C-alpha atoms as a PDB file:
ATOM      1  CA  MET A   1     -72.445  54.047 -56.157  1.00  0.00           C
ATOM      2  CA  LYS A   2     -72.211  54.809 -59.849  1.00  0.00           C
ATOM      3  CA  LYS A   3     -74.206  57.696 -59.554  1.00  0.00           C
ATOM      4  CA  MET A   4     -72.455  59.289 -56.835  1.00  0.00           C
ATOM      5  CA  LYS A   5     -69.249  58.919 -58.588  1.00  0.00           C
ATOM      6  CA  LEU A   6     -70.670  60.670 -61.779  1.00  0.00           C
ATOM      7  CA  ILE A   7     -71.813  63.624 -59.624  1.00  0.00           C
ATOM      8  CA  SER A   8     -68.235  64.166 -58.588  1.00  0.00           C
ATOM      9  CA  GLY A   9     -66.998  64.294 -62.135  1.00  0.00           C
ATOM     10  CA  ILE A  10     -69.680  66.497 -62.883  1.00  0.00           C
ATOM     11  CA  ILE A  11     -68.951  68.774 -60.251  1.00  0.00           C
ATOM     12  CA  ALA A  12     -65.344  68.692 -61.342  1.00  0.00           C
ATOM     13  CA  ALA A  13     -66.561  69.770 -64.746  1.00  0.00           C
ATOM     14  CA  ALA A  14     -68.998  72.442 -63.562  1.00  0.00           C
ATOM     15  CA  MET A  15     -65.942  73.915 -61.863  1.00  0.00           C
ATOM     16  CA  ALA A  16     -64.142  74.313 -65.099  1.00  0.00           C
ATOM     17  CA  VAL A  17     -67.001  76.202 -66.132  1.00  0.00           C
ATOM     18  CA  THR A  18     -68.217  78.558 -63.388  1.00  0.00           C
ATOM     19  CA  SER A  19     -64.254  78.822 -62.231  1.00  0.00           C
ATOM     20  CA  MET A  20     -63.753  81.021 -65.251  1.00  0.00           C
ATOM     21  CA  SER A  21     -61.772  83.983 -65.388  1.00  0.00           C
ATOM     22  CA  ALA A  22     -61.646  87.128 -67.735  1.00  0.00           C
ATOM     23  CA  ALA A  23     -58.859  84.806 -69.461  1.00  0.00           C
ATOM     24  CA  THR A  24     -61.180  82.315 -70.958  1.00  0.00           C
ATOM     25  CA  ALA A  25     -60.396  81.789 -74.624  1.00  0.00           C
ATOM     26  CA  PHE A  26     -62.378  79.523 -77.112  1.00  0.00           C
ATOM     27  CA  ALA A  27     -60.225  77.428 -79.447  1.00  0.00           C
ATOM     28  CA  ALA A  28     -60.890  74.947 -82.084  1.00  0.00           C
ATOM     29  CA  ASP A  29     -62.718  71.743 -82.530  1.00  0.00           C
ATOM     30  CA  VAL A  30     -61.906  68.699 -80.626  1.00  0.00           C
ATOM     31  CA  ALA A  31     -63.508  66.107 -82.838  1.00  0.00           C
ATOM     32  CA  VAL A  32     -65.315  63.098 -80.898  1.00  0.00           C
ATOM     33  CA  LYS A  33     -66.443  59.908 -83.015  1.00  0.00           C
ATOM     34  CA  VAL A  34     -68.413  56.973 -82.208  1.00  0.00           C
ATOM     35  CA  GLY A  35     -67.899  53.794 -84.038  1.00  0.00           C
ATOM     36  CA  THR A  36     -70.211  51.397 -85.681  1.00  0.00           C
ATOM     37  CA  ASP A  37     -70.715  47.524 -85.040  1.00  0.00           C
ATOM     38  CA  THR A  38     -73.313  44.997 -87.020  1.00  0.00           C
ATOM     39  CA  LYS A  39     -74.838  42.399 -84.750  1.00  0.00           C
ATOM     40  CA  ASN A  40     -78.080  39.866 -84.495  1.00  0.00           C
ATOM     41  CA  PRO A  41     -80.770  40.160 -81.823  1.00  0.00           C
ATOM     42  CA  GLY A  42     -79.460  38.898 -78.793  1.00  0.00           C
ATOM     43  CA  GLU A  43     -75.651  39.421 -79.389  1.00  0.00           C
ATOM     44  CA  GLU A  44     -73.390  41.358 -77.732  1.00  0.00           C
ATOM     45  CA  PHE A  45     -71.753  44.745 -79.293  1.00  0.00           C
ATOM     46  CA  SER A  46     -68.886  46.946 -78.746  1.00  0.00           C
ATOM     47  CA  VAL A  47     -68.260  50.369 -80.296  1.00  0.00           C
ATOM     48  CA  THR A  48     -65.353  52.678 -79.229  1.00  0.00           C
ATOM     49  CA  VAL A  49     -65.278  56.327 -78.507  1.00  0.00           C
ATOM     50  CA  ASP A  50     -62.351  58.383 -80.015  1.00  0.00           C
ATOM     51  CA  LEU A  51     -60.967  61.522 -79.893  1.00  0.00           C
ATOM     52  CA  SER A  52     -58.790  63.480 -82.244  1.00  0.00           C
ATOM     53  CA  GLY A  53     -57.713  67.141 -82.471  1.00  0.00           C
ATOM     54  CA  VAL A  54     -56.632  66.827 -78.867  1.00  0.00           C
ATOM     55  CA  PRO A  55     -54.577  69.956 -78.141  1.00  0.00           C
ATOM     56  CA  SER A  56     -51.310  69.731 -77.213  1.00  0.00           C
ATOM     57  CA  GLY A  57     -51.629  71.636 -73.923  1.00  0.00           C
ATOM     58  CA  GLY A  58     -54.195  68.966 -72.832  1.00  0.00           C
ATOM     59  CA  LEU A  59     -57.823  68.577 -71.665  1.00  0.00           C
ATOM     60  CA  SER A  60     -58.876  68.564 -67.990  1.00  0.00           C
ATOM     61  CA  THR A  61     -62.503  68.043 -68.306  1.00  0.00           C
ATOM     62  CA  ILE A  62     -64.236  66.250 -70.895  1.00  0.00           C
ATOM     63  CA  ASP A  63     -68.028  66.084 -70.229  1.00  0.00           C
ATOM     64  CA  PHE A  64     -70.912  64.630 -72.796  1.00  0.00           C
ATOM     65  CA  ALA A  65     -73.441  62.217 -73.577  1.00  0.00           C
ATOM     66  CA  VAL A  66     -74.448  59.408 -76.115  1.00  0.00           C
ATOM     67  CA  SER A  67     -78.059  58.742 -76.912  1.00  0.00           C
ATOM     68  CA  TYR A  68     -79.276  55.627 -77.705  1.00  0.00           C
ATOM     69  CA  ASP A  69     -82.575  53.665 -78.823  1.00  0.00           C
ATOM     70  CA  ALA A  70     -83.425  51.568 -75.312  1.00  0.00           C
ATOM     71  CA  SER A  71     -85.919  49.582 -77.676  1.00  0.00           C
ATOM     72  CA  LEU A  72     -83.266  48.155 -79.937  1.00  0.00           C
ATOM     73  CA  ILE A  73     -80.246  47.672 -77.242  1.00  0.00           C
ATOM     74  CA  ASP A  74     -79.137  47.799 -73.637  1.00  0.00           C
ATOM     75  CA  ILE A  75     -75.839  49.522 -72.706  1.00  0.00           C
ATOM     76  CA  LYS A  76     -73.970  47.062 -70.053  1.00  0.00           C
ATOM     77  CA  ASP A  77     -70.790  48.868 -69.504  1.00  0.00           C
ATOM     78  CA  VAL A  78     -68.382  51.958 -70.343  1.00  0.00           C
ATOM     79  CA  THR A  79     -64.515  51.490 -70.027  1.00  0.00           C
ATOM     80  CA  MET A  80     -62.013  54.119 -70.152  1.00  0.00           C
ATOM     81  CA  GLY A  81     -59.609  54.175 -72.975  1.00  0.00           C
ATOM     82  CA  SER A  82     -55.960  54.534 -73.358  1.00  0.00           C
ATOM     83  CA  ILE A  83     -55.912  57.951 -73.357  1.00  0.00           C
ATOM     84  CA  GLY A  84     -57.453  58.428 -70.065  1.00  0.00           C
ATOM     85  CA  ASN A  85     -54.619  56.790 -68.306  1.00  0.00           C
ATOM     86  CA  THR A  86     -52.690  59.792 -67.410  1.00  0.00           C
ATOM     87  CA  GLY A  87     -51.789  59.085 -63.928  1.00  0.00           C
ATOM     88  CA  ALA A  88     -54.376  61.552 -62.666  1.00  0.00           C
ATOM     89  CA  ALA A  89     -56.234  59.211 -60.561  1.00  0.00           C
ATOM     90  CA  ALA A  90     -53.133  58.007 -58.541  1.00  0.00           C
ATOM     91  CA  GLN A  91     -52.364  61.577 -58.087  1.00  0.00           C
ATOM     92  CA  GLU A  92     -55.795  62.655 -57.045  1.00  0.00           C
ATOM     93  CA  GLY A  93     -55.570  60.074 -54.375  1.00  0.00           C
ATOM     94  CA  ALA A  94     -58.010  57.638 -52.755  1.00  0.00           C
ATOM     95  CA  ASP A  95     -60.799  60.182 -51.729  1.00  0.00           C
ATOM     96  CA  LEU A  96     -60.736  61.638 -55.677  1.00  0.00           C
ATOM     97  CA  GLY A  97     -58.963  59.186 -57.663  1.00  0.00           C
ATOM     98  CA  ASP A  98     -61.973  57.076 -58.577  1.00  0.00           C
ATOM     99  CA  THR A  99     -63.617  60.007 -59.953  1.00  0.00           C
ATOM    100  CA  VAL A 100     -61.673  60.998 -62.709  1.00  0.00           C
ATOM    101  CA  PHE A 101     -63.536  58.503 -65.218  1.00  0.00           C
ATOM    102  CA  ASN A 102     -67.248  58.073 -64.807  1.00  0.00           C
ATOM    103  CA  TRP A 103     -70.371  57.378 -66.420  1.00  0.00           C
ATOM    104  CA  TYR A 104     -74.194  56.832 -65.965  1.00  0.00           C
ATOM    105  CA  LYS A 105     -76.942  55.439 -67.705  1.00  0.00           C
ATOM    106  CA  GLY A 106     -80.046  57.510 -67.708  1.00  0.00           C
ATOM    107  CA  ASP A 107     -83.194  57.425 -69.693  1.00  0.00           C
ATOM    108  CA  GLY A 108     -81.823  56.441 -73.302  1.00  0.00           C
ATOM    109  CA  GLU A 109     -78.676  58.105 -72.968  1.00  0.00           C
ATOM    110  CA  ILE A 110     -75.210  57.325 -71.182  1.00  0.00           C
ATOM    111  CA  GLU A 111     -73.171  60.111 -69.937  1.00  0.00           C
ATOM    112  CA  ILE A 112     -69.238  60.294 -69.775  1.00  0.00           C
ATOM    113  CA  VAL A 113     -67.423  62.403 -67.771  1.00  0.00           C
ATOM    114  CA  TRP A 114     -63.480  62.446 -67.496  1.00  0.00           C
ATOM    115  CA  ALA A 115     -62.204  65.159 -65.334  1.00  0.00           C
ATOM    116  CA  THR A 116     -59.700  66.331 -62.941  1.00  0.00           C
ATOM    117  CA  GLY A 117     -58.722  69.204 -60.593  1.00  0.00           C
ATOM    118  CA  LEU A 118     -55.325  68.838 -60.852  1.00  0.00           C
ATOM    119  CA  ALA A 119     -53.783  72.301 -62.294  1.00  0.00           C
ATOM    120  CA  ASP A 120     -50.716  70.236 -63.470  1.00  0.00           C
ATOM    121  CA  SER A 121     -51.296  69.627 -67.180  1.00  0.00           C
ATOM    122  CA  ALA A 122     -49.215  66.299 -66.993  1.00  0.00           C
ATOM    123  CA  TYR A 123     -51.751  64.882 -65.710  1.00  0.00           C
ATOM    124  CA  TRP A 124     -54.564  66.013 -68.673  1.00  0.00           C
ATOM    125  CA  ILE A 125     -55.257  64.008 -71.618  1.00  0.00           C
ATOM    126  CA  LYS A 126     -53.010  65.005 -74.310  1.00  0.00           C
ATOM    127  CA  LYS A 127     -53.107  62.598 -77.083  1.00  0.00           C
ATOM    128  CA  ASP A 128     -55.608  61.432 -79.702  1.00  0.00           C
ATOM    129  CA  GLY A 129     -56.810  57.720 -79.288  1.00  0.00           C
ATOM    130  CA  THR A 130     -59.479  55.787 -77.666  1.00  0.00           C
ATOM    131  CA  LEU A 131     -61.358  57.623 -74.700  1.00  0.00           C
ATOM    132  CA  ALA A 132     -63.913  54.877 -74.021  1.00  0.00           C
ATOM    133  CA  THR A 133     -65.479  51.444 -75.102  1.00  0.00           C
ATOM    134  CA  ILE A 134     -69.294  51.299 -74.622  1.00  0.00           C
ATOM    135  CA  THR A 135     -70.444  47.725 -74.641  1.00  0.00           C
ATOM    136  CA  GLY A 136     -73.880  46.249 -74.388  1.00  0.00           C
ATOM    137  CA  THR A 137     -76.409  43.670 -76.065  1.00  0.00           C
ATOM    138  CA  VAL A 138     -78.948  43.822 -79.068  1.00  0.00           C
ATOM    139  CA  LYS A 139     -82.139  43.159 -77.556  1.00  0.00           C
ATOM    140  CA  SER A 140     -83.756  39.845 -79.009  1.00  0.00           C
ATOM    141  CA  THR A 141     -86.809  41.701 -80.060  1.00  0.00           C
ATOM    142  CA  ALA A 142     -84.979  44.172 -82.071  1.00  0.00           C
ATOM    143  CA  ALA A 143     -86.146  44.127 -85.716  1.00  0.00           C
ATOM    144  CA  LYS A 144     -83.171  42.720 -88.225  1.00  0.00           C
ATOM    145  CA  GLY A 145     -82.541  45.524 -90.728  1.00  0.00           C
ATOM    146  CA  SER A 146     -83.226  48.442 -88.024  1.00  0.00           C
ATOM    147  CA  LYS A 147     -80.319  50.842 -86.691  1.00  0.00           C
ATOM    148  CA  ALA A 148     -79.868  52.086 -83.141  1.00  0.00           C
ATOM    149  CA  ASP A 149     -78.353  55.228 -83.783  1.00  0.00           C
ATOM    150  CA  LEU A 150     -75.661  56.489 -81.274  1.00  0.00           C
ATOM    151  CA  LYS A 151     -75.540  59.974 -80.883  1.00  0.00           C
ATOM    152  CA  VAL A 152     -72.961  62.545 -79.384  1.00  0.00           C
ATOM    153  CA  LYS A 153     -75.080  65.177 -77.396  1.00  0.00           C
ATOM    154  CA  ALA A 154     -74.752  67.393 -73.974  1.00  0.00           C
ATOM    155  CA  ILE A 155     -75.733  65.753 -70.944  1.00  0.00           C
ATOM    156  CA  ASN A 156     -79.180  66.183 -69.523  1.00  0.00           C
ATOM    157  CA  ARG A 157     -78.178  67.985 -66.210  1.00  0.00           C
ATOM    158  CA  GLU A 158     -82.118  68.517 -65.644  1.00  0.00           C
ATOM    159  CA  MET A 159     -82.255  64.953 -64.245  1.00  0.00           C
ATOM    160  CA  TYR A 160     -80.144  65.914 -61.388  1.00  0.00           C
ATOM    161  CA  PRO A 161     -81.405  67.979 -58.350  1.00  0.00           C
ATOM    162  CA  GLY A 162     -81.058  71.453 -59.078  1.00  0.00           C
ATOM    163  CA  GLY A 163     -79.938  70.884 -62.669  1.00  0.00           C
ATOM    164  CA  SER A 164     -80.863  73.233 -65.625  1.00  0.00           C
ATOM    165  CA  ALA A 165     -81.125  72.632 -69.560  1.00  0.00           C
ATOM    166  CA  ASN A 166     -77.459  72.165 -70.665  1.00  0.00           C
ATOM    167  CA  THR A 167     -76.566  72.836 -74.359  1.00  0.00           C
ATOM    168  CA  ASP A 168     -72.704  72.554 -74.010  1.00  0.00           C
ATOM    169  CA  ILE A 169     -70.497  69.313 -74.595  1.00  0.00           C
ATOM    170  CA  LEU A 170     -67.283  70.337 -72.498  1.00  0.00           C
ATOM    171  CA  PHE A 171     -63.930  70.344 -73.601  1.00  0.00           C
ATOM    172  CA  SER A 172     -61.684  72.130 -71.453  1.00  0.00           C
ATOM    173  CA  ALA A 173     -58.364  73.000 -70.112  1.00  0.00           C
ATOM    174  CA  LEU A 174     -58.463  74.746 -66.743  1.00  0.00           C
ATOM    175  CA  GLY A 175     -55.293  76.484 -65.740  1.00  0.00           C
ATOM    176  CA  GLU A 176     -54.603  78.532 -62.690  1.00  0.00           C
ATOM    177  CA  THR A 177     -54.781  81.634 -64.551  1.00  0.00           C
ATOM    178  CA  ALA A 178     -56.631  80.773 -67.573  1.00  0.00           C
ATOM    179  CA  THR A 179     -59.400  78.530 -69.097  1.00  0.00           C
ATOM    180  CA  THR A 180     -59.584  77.386 -72.658  1.00  0.00           C
ATOM    181  CA  ASP A 181     -62.816  75.814 -74.056  1.00  0.00           C
ATOM    182  CA  TYR A 182     -62.703  73.827 -77.170  1.00  0.00           C
ATOM    183  CA  THR A 183     -65.728  73.537 -79.420  1.00  0.00           C
ATOM    184  CA  ALA A 184     -66.922  69.913 -80.256  1.00  0.00           C
ATOM    185  CA  ALA A 185     -67.229  68.270 -83.935  1.00  0.00           C
ATOM    186  CA  PRO A 186     -69.025  65.242 -83.130  1.00  0.00           C
ATOM    187  CA  THR A 187     -69.443  62.130 -85.553  1.00  0.00           C
ATOM    188  CA  ASP A 188     -72.503  59.784 -84.387  1.00  0.00           C
ATOM    189  CA  GLY A 189     -72.260  55.948 -84.594  1.00  0.00           C
ATOM    190  CA  ALA A 190     -74.873  53.160 -84.644  1.00  0.00           C
ATOM    191  CA  VAL A 191     -75.290  49.336 -83.737  1.00  0.00           C
ATOM    192  CA  ILE A 192     -76.779  47.835 -86.817  1.00  0.00           C
ATOM    193  CA  ILE A 193     -78.957  44.848 -86.260  1.00  0.00           C
ATOM    194  CA  GLY A 194     -78.881  42.322 -89.108  1.00  0.00           C
ATOM    195  CA  GLU A 195     -78.576  38.691 -89.776  1.00  0.00           C
ATOM    196  CA  GLY A 196     -74.793  38.179 -90.173  1.00  0.00           C
ATOM    197  CA  SER A 197     -75.045  39.761 -93.921  1.00  0.00           C
ATOM    198  CA  VAL A 198     -73.314  42.570 -94.986  1.00  0.00           C
ATOM    199  CA  ALA A 199     -74.087  45.399 -97.476  1.00  0.00           C
ATOM    200  CA  ASP A 200     -72.522  45.811-101.071  1.00  0.00           C
ATOM    201  CA  VAL A 201     -69.044  45.354-100.406  1.00  0.00           C
ATOM    202  CA  ILE A 202     -66.548  48.392-101.252  1.00  0.00           C
ATOM    203  CA  TYR A 203     -63.006  46.629-100.911  1.00  0.00           C
ATOM    204  CA  GLY A 204     -60.627  48.181 -98.957  1.00  0.00           C
ATOM    205  CA  ASP A 205     -62.918  50.628 -96.864  1.00  0.00           C
ATOM    206  CA  VAL A 206     -62.137  48.732 -93.641  1.00  0.00           C
ATOM    207  CA  ASP A 207     -63.578  51.407 -91.575  1.00  0.00           C
ATOM    208  CA  CYS A 208     -66.648  51.693 -93.616  1.00  0.00           C
ATOM    209  CA  ASN A 209     -66.844  55.285 -94.145  1.00  0.00           C
ATOM    210  CA  GLU A 210     -67.036  54.943 -98.302  1.00  0.00           C
ATOM    211  CA  ALA A 211     -63.639  55.903 -98.713  1.00  0.00           C
ATOM    212  CA  VAL A 212     -60.456  53.934 -99.392  1.00  0.00           C
ATOM    213  CA  ASN A 213     -57.238  55.559 -97.632  1.00  0.00           C
ATOM    214  CA  VAL A 214     -54.178  55.110 -95.459  1.00  0.00           C
ATOM    215  CA  ALA A 215     -56.732  54.842 -92.545  1.00  0.00           C
ATOM    216  CA  ASP A 216     -58.154  51.610 -93.597  1.00  0.00           C
ATOM    217  CA  ALA A 217     -54.507  50.268 -93.554  1.00  0.00           C
ATOM    218  CA  VAL A 218     -53.705  51.363 -90.012  1.00  0.00           C
ATOM    219  CA  LEU A 219     -56.955  50.104 -88.880  1.00  0.00           C
ATOM    220  CA  PHE A 220     -56.632  46.892 -90.748  1.00  0.00           C
ATOM    221  CA  ALA A 221     -53.100  46.521 -89.374  1.00  0.00           C
ATOM    222  CA  ARG A 222     -54.179  47.230 -85.696  1.00  0.00           C
ATOM    223  CA  PHE A 223     -57.056  44.347 -86.147  1.00  0.00           C
ATOM    224  CA  LEU A 224     -54.758  41.753 -87.300  1.00  0.00           C
ATOM    225  CA  ALA A 225     -52.564  42.664 -84.350  1.00  0.00           C
ATOM    226  CA  GLU A 226     -55.348  42.045 -82.143  1.00  0.00           C
ATOM    227  CA  ASP A 227     -55.739  45.478 -80.793  1.00  0.00           C
ATOM    228  CA  LYS A 228     -58.276  45.494 -78.085  1.00  0.00           C
ATOM    229  CA  GLU A 229     -58.932  49.292 -78.571  1.00  0.00           C
ATOM    230  CA  ILE A 230     -60.330  48.980 -81.961  1.00  0.00           C
ATOM    231  CA  THR A 231     -63.271  47.489 -83.650  1.00  0.00           C
ATOM    232  CA  VAL A 232     -63.843  46.414 -87.126  1.00  0.00           C
ATOM    233  CA  THR A 233     -67.730  45.735 -87.833  1.00  0.00           C
ATOM    234  CA  SER A 234     -68.611  42.842 -89.830  1.00  0.00           C
ATOM    235  CA  GLN A 235     -69.277  44.915 -92.716  1.00  0.00           C
ATOM    236  CA  GLY A 236     -65.478  46.201 -92.506  1.00  0.00           C
ATOM    237  CA  LYS A 237     -64.412  42.634 -91.997  1.00  0.00           C
ATOM    238  CA  ALA A 238     -66.090  41.799 -95.575  1.00  0.00           C
ATOM    239  CA  ASN A 239     -64.363  45.223 -97.371  1.00  0.00           C
ATOM    240  CA  ALA A 240     -61.075  43.841 -95.446  1.00  0.00           C
ATOM    241  CA  ALA A 241     -61.096  40.584 -98.020  1.00  0.00           C
ATOM    242  CA  CYS A 242     -58.321  42.376-100.421  1.00  0.00           C
ATOM    243  CA  PHE A 243     -56.594  39.154-101.591  1.00  0.00           C
ATOM    244  CA  THR A 244     -58.918  36.404-103.032  1.00  0.00           C
ATOM    245  CA  ASP A 245     -57.430  32.821-102.009  1.00  0.00           C
ATOM    246  CA  ALA A 246     -58.662  29.232-101.154  1.00  0.00           C
ATOM    247  CA  ASN A 247     -58.786  29.781 -97.110  1.00  0.00           C
ATOM    248  CA  ASN A 248     -60.706  32.825 -97.248  1.00  0.00           C
ATOM    249  CA  LEU A 249     -59.305  34.154 -94.155  1.00  0.00           C
ATOM    250  CA  LEU A 250     -57.989  37.698 -93.270  1.00  0.00           C
ATOM    251  CA  ASN A 251     -54.688  38.116 -92.957  1.00  0.00           C
ATOM    252  CA  SER A 252     -51.339  39.804 -93.940  1.00  0.00           C
ATOM    253  CA  ASP A 253     -52.164  38.828 -97.728  1.00  0.00           C
ATOM    254  CA  ASP A 254     -55.116  41.155 -97.482  1.00  0.00           C
ATOM    255  CA  LEU A 255     -53.188  43.775 -95.724  1.00  0.00           C
ATOM    256  CA  SER A 256     -50.144  43.879 -98.588  1.00  0.00           C
ATOM    257  CA  ALA A 257     -52.906  43.762-101.203  1.00  0.00           C
ATOM    258  CA  LEU A 258     -54.333  46.993 -99.884  1.00  0.00           C
ATOM    259  CA  MET A 259     -51.175  48.620 -99.447  1.00  0.00           C
ATOM    260  CA  GLU A 260     -50.203  47.994-102.626  1.00  0.00           C
ATOM    261  CA  TYR A 261     -53.224  49.394-103.944  1.00  0.00           C
ATOM    262  CA  LEU A 262     -52.892  52.541-101.856  1.00  0.00           C
ATOM    263  CA  ALA A 263     -49.498  52.766-103.206  1.00  0.00           C
ATOM    264  CA  GLY A 264     -50.854  52.771-106.715  1.00  0.00           C
ATOM    265  CA  LEU A 265     -49.079  49.052-107.718  1.00  0.00           C
ATOM    266  CA  LYS A 266     -52.499  47.716-108.078  1.00  0.00           C
ATOM    267  CA  ALA A 267     -55.061  49.040-110.236  1.00  0.00           C
ATOM    268  CA  SER A 268     -57.956  47.527-108.355  1.00  0.00           C
ATOM    269  CA  LEU A 269     -59.269  45.270-105.267  1.00  0.00           C
ATOM    270  CA  PRO A 270     -59.696  42.345-104.696  1.00  0.00           C
ATOM    271  CA  VAL A 271     -56.508  40.851-105.970  1.00  0.00           C
ATOM    272  CA  ALA A 272     -56.373  37.470-107.231  1.00  0.00           C
ATOM    273  CA  GLU A 273     -54.024  34.871-105.443  1.00  0.00           C
END
């Protein structure tokens, strides 16, 4: 059933390519970023797939894969994120509505497709945010200290009957008279297999990109608000401990310390009680 849904989505995506007119245009990058999580063998992990630079006119077709090391992790599910809730599924109706978002697990990769045949761009993806959340389990045999890379790539269409090699990650806007394709700017993620320990702490670096900036404060605020669409890794939580106190719990004091540091009111982190 899942495979049939994916094939339906791929057909819609293929139409966005093969139906191009002379008015096809190529535009700037859409960034696709896969998150990172740190878990022990046997534990469940969760990472988001986020888009940024989504064009204001919207995207009607999104089509790419994420490869992974099947000897280290197993993918259990891929759920659609908030930016995919455009109303397209309801508008497509009972026959096609459940084909708007699809995923399929192949040999060492998962394939993600969001595609609608609706020409009305009101039902397209038009904002940055989480496209999907990938969940799974670290295998009990995974070596501690190893890393399962999650790499953004083009879907391998050779696995489908009549399919051929494919090198394209699709971000497209298919209008009635013109098609615009957007190039992809991928950032790969990973599942890091550890023992619950963390590497050297960089206080304030909540998103673990080795830089401390406003994005870390935003992510931390969403974490404290229990936003289910974001993930903060074990390393990120250690980095977020910006306020040293007796209870050693992450709370608004840590966020305030980070914001004061970013505003230049504190010279360094962590801030002592």
